[in-house]
Amino acid sequence: MSKSKGVVFLIVWFMWATGKDLDTLVRYPISTDYYIFSSIGLEAVFFAMAGVIFLLNTSVVYCLYQPQTYGLRLLISSLSASAVYNIVAISIALQNISNVRAAYEKGRELRGLPVREEAMDMIFTQNSFVISIIITIALYLAIGLVAYRNKTYFYVAPKLD
């Protein structure tokens, strides 16, 4: 079956998301997300949520290469789980923005990336966090719309033997 531009976009998106998820799980000690959850004693929740999202994204990639009738539902589940994860992380982060900023700066320094104070001042505000979650949810909705518009891709014709 040929792949439309929308399906190619979904493949690229979910492959990137899967790689990012794996990176977050493998390099968790320098992950800002890990710090956010561990700051209130929820390390296990971080690993559970990040692990489930990684598995969902990996499964979606499989369904994008080998279309399955449940693929669209899996894709929507993956986007929904990611949205919940982001909302929970932002909600926790809003309780202590200065410590999240310090963890973010430390993570960048450990990876050898520059830390610009003026950028940190703009990023780590309550308004920036709220705007980022709104943009994230809008992005997930747009991706869901692309998937829905390409829903016929997921329907597998029965094999005739």
Protein backbone atom coordinates (compact mmCIF):
# COMPACT_ATOMS: atom_id res chain seq x y z
CA MET A 1 0.00 0.00 0.00
CA SER A 2 1.36 3.42 -0.92
CA LYS A 3 1.83 5.96 1.81
CA SER A 4 0.33 9.43 1.61
CA LYS A 5 2.19 12.51 2.81
CA GLY A 6 0.13 12.36 5.99
CA VAL A 7 1.21 8.79 6.71
CA VAL A 8 4.84 9.66 6.00
CA PHE A 9 4.50 12.56 8.44
CA LEU A 10 3.07 10.19 11.06
CA ILE A 11 5.93 7.74 10.52
CA VAL A 12 8.52 10.49 10.97
CA TRP A 13 6.73 11.91 14.02
CA PHE A 14 6.33 8.60 15.83
CA MET A 15 9.86 7.42 15.00
CA TRP A 16 11.20 10.69 16.43
CA ALA A 17 8.94 10.37 19.50
CA THR A 18 10.04 6.77 20.08
CA GLY A 19 13.71 7.79 19.89
CA LYS A 20 13.13 10.69 22.25
CA ASP A 21 11.30 8.42 24.68
CA LEU A 22 14.12 5.88 24.64
CA ASP A 23 16.67 8.64 25.20
CA THR A 24 14.65 9.93 28.17
CA LEU A 25 14.48 6.45 29.72
CA VAL A 26 18.14 5.60 29.14
CA ARG A 27 19.53 8.95 30.21
CA TYR A 28 16.98 9.56 32.97
CA PRO A 29 19.47 11.00 35.52
CA ILE A 30 19.94 14.09 33.35
CA SER A 31 16.28 14.30 32.33
CA THR A 32 14.30 17.28 33.54
CA ASP A 33 11.18 15.10 33.47
CA TYR A 34 12.79 12.61 35.85
CA TYR A 35 13.72 15.45 38.19
CA ILE A 36 10.17 16.79 38.10
CA PHE A 37 8.70 13.45 39.16
CA SER A 38 11.48 12.58 41.63
CA SER A 39 11.15 15.97 43.32
CA ILE A 40 7.91 14.73 44.87
CA GLY A 41 8.91 11.09 45.28
CA LEU A 42 7.22 9.77 42.12
CA GLU A 43 10.21 8.18 40.37
CA ALA A 44 8.22 4.98 39.77
CA VAL A 45 5.43 6.98 38.15
CA PHE A 46 7.96 8.60 35.81
CA PHE A 47 9.29 5.21 34.69
CA ALA A 48 5.81 3.70 34.40
CA MET A 49 4.39 6.57 32.34
CA ALA A 50 7.50 7.05 30.19
CA GLY A 51 7.75 3.29 29.64
CA VAL A 52 4.10 2.95 28.61
CA ILE A 53 4.41 5.88 26.21
CA PHE A 54 7.59 4.38 24.72
CA LEU A 55 5.81 1.06 24.16
CA LEU A 56 2.77 2.77 22.67
CA ASN A 57 4.89 4.87 20.31
CA THR A 58 6.90 1.81 19.29
CA SER A 59 3.65 -0.06 18.58
CA VAL A 60 2.35 2.85 16.53
CA VAL A 61 5.52 2.81 14.41
CA TYR A 62 4.92 -0.90 13.77
CA CYS A 63 1.31 -0.21 12.76
CA LEU A 64 2.43 2.55 10.42
CA TYR A 65 4.71 0.11 8.61
CA GLN A 66 2.37 -2.88 8.88
CA PRO A 67 -1.16 -1.43 8.92
CA GLN A 68 -3.46 -3.01 11.48
CA THR A 69 -7.16 -2.41 12.08
CA TYR A 70 -6.40 -1.36 15.67
CA GLY A 71 -3.59 0.99 14.56
CA LEU A 72 -5.63 4.19 14.65
CA ARG A 73 -6.94 3.42 18.15
CA LEU A 74 -3.39 2.68 19.27
CA LEU A 75 -2.17 5.96 17.76
CA ILE A 76 -4.91 7.94 19.54
CA SER A 77 -4.10 6.10 22.78
CA SER A 78 -0.44 7.03 22.39
CA LEU A 79 -1.24 10.70 21.81
CA SER A 80 -3.65 10.70 24.77
CA ALA A 81 -1.10 9.08 27.10
CA SER A 82 1.53 11.59 25.98
CA ALA A 83 -0.87 14.47 26.63
CA VAL A 84 -1.67 13.17 30.13
CA TYR A 85 2.04 12.71 30.86
CA ASN A 86 2.80 16.28 29.75
CA ILE A 87 -0.09 17.74 31.74
CA VAL A 88 1.00 15.88 34.89
CA ALA A 89 4.66 16.90 34.44
CA ILE A 90 3.78 20.56 33.85
CA SER A 91 1.39 20.56 36.83
CA ILE A 92 4.15 19.24 39.08
CA ALA A 93 6.73 21.62 37.59
CA LEU A 94 4.50 24.62 38.23
CA GLN A 95 4.78 23.90 41.96
CA ASN A 96 8.53 24.60 41.98
CA ILE A 97 9.72 26.35 38.82
CA SER A 98 13.07 27.46 40.26
CA ASN A 99 14.16 23.88 41.05
CA VAL A 100 12.99 22.65 37.63
CA ARG A 101 15.05 25.42 36.05
CA ALA A 102 18.12 24.35 38.04
CA ALA A 103 17.63 20.73 36.94
CA TYR A 104 17.22 21.80 33.31
CA GLU A 105 20.40 23.90 33.45
CA LYS A 106 22.33 21.03 35.05
CA GLY A 107 21.09 18.62 32.35
CA ARG A 108 22.24 20.96 29.59
CA GLU A 109 25.62 21.44 31.22
CA LEU A 110 26.10 17.65 31.59
CA ARG A 111 25.41 17.23 27.87
CA GLY A 112 27.84 20.02 27.01
CA LEU A 113 25.13 22.39 25.79
CA PRO A 114 25.17 26.14 26.45
CA VAL A 115 22.99 27.72 29.11
CA ARG A 116 21.84 31.26 28.30
CA GLU A 117 20.40 33.09 31.30
CA GLU A 118 18.14 35.35 29.22
CA ALA A 119 16.61 32.29 27.56
CA MET A 120 16.14 30.58 30.94
CA ASP A 121 14.39 33.70 32.26
CA MET A 122 11.92 33.54 29.37
CA ILE A 123 11.32 29.78 29.49
CA PHE A 124 10.90 29.23 33.21
CA THR A 125 7.83 31.29 34.00
CA GLN A 126 4.34 30.19 34.86
CA ASN A 127 2.96 31.72 31.64
CA SER A 128 5.54 29.92 29.50
CA PHE A 129 4.60 26.57 31.06
CA VAL A 130 0.90 27.17 30.46
CA ILE A 131 1.54 28.27 26.87
CA SER A 132 3.75 25.23 26.26
CA ILE A 133 1.07 22.79 27.41
CA ILE A 134 -1.54 24.53 25.24
CA ILE A 135 0.77 24.29 22.22
CA THR A 136 1.56 20.65 23.02
CA ILE A 137 -2.12 19.70 23.26
CA ALA A 138 -2.86 21.57 20.01
CA LEU A 139 0.01 19.70 18.32
CA TYR A 140 -1.31 16.34 19.54
CA LEU A 141 -4.78 17.25 18.28
CA ALA A 142 -3.32 18.18 14.88
CA ILE A 143 -1.44 14.88 14.70
CA GLY A 144 -4.64 13.06 15.67
CA LEU A 145 -6.45 14.89 12.87
CA VAL A 146 -3.79 13.85 10.34
CA ALA A 147 -4.18 10.25 11.53
CA TYR A 148 -7.97 10.44 11.34
CA ARG A 149 -7.82 11.85 7.81
CA ASN A 150 -5.65 8.86 6.87
CA LYS A 151 -7.69 6.30 8.81
CA THR A 152 -8.29 4.12 5.76
CA TYR A 153 -4.56 3.38 5.71
CA PHE A 154 -4.96 1.31 8.87
CA TYR A 155 -7.64 -0.97 7.44
CA VAL A 156 -6.10 -4.21 6.36
CA ALA A 157 -7.76 -6.05 3.47
CA PRO A 158 -8.45 -9.68 4.36
CA LYS A 159 -5.93 -12.06 2.87
CA LEU A 160 -7.34 -14.56 0.44
CA ASP A 161 -5.57 -17.90 0.44
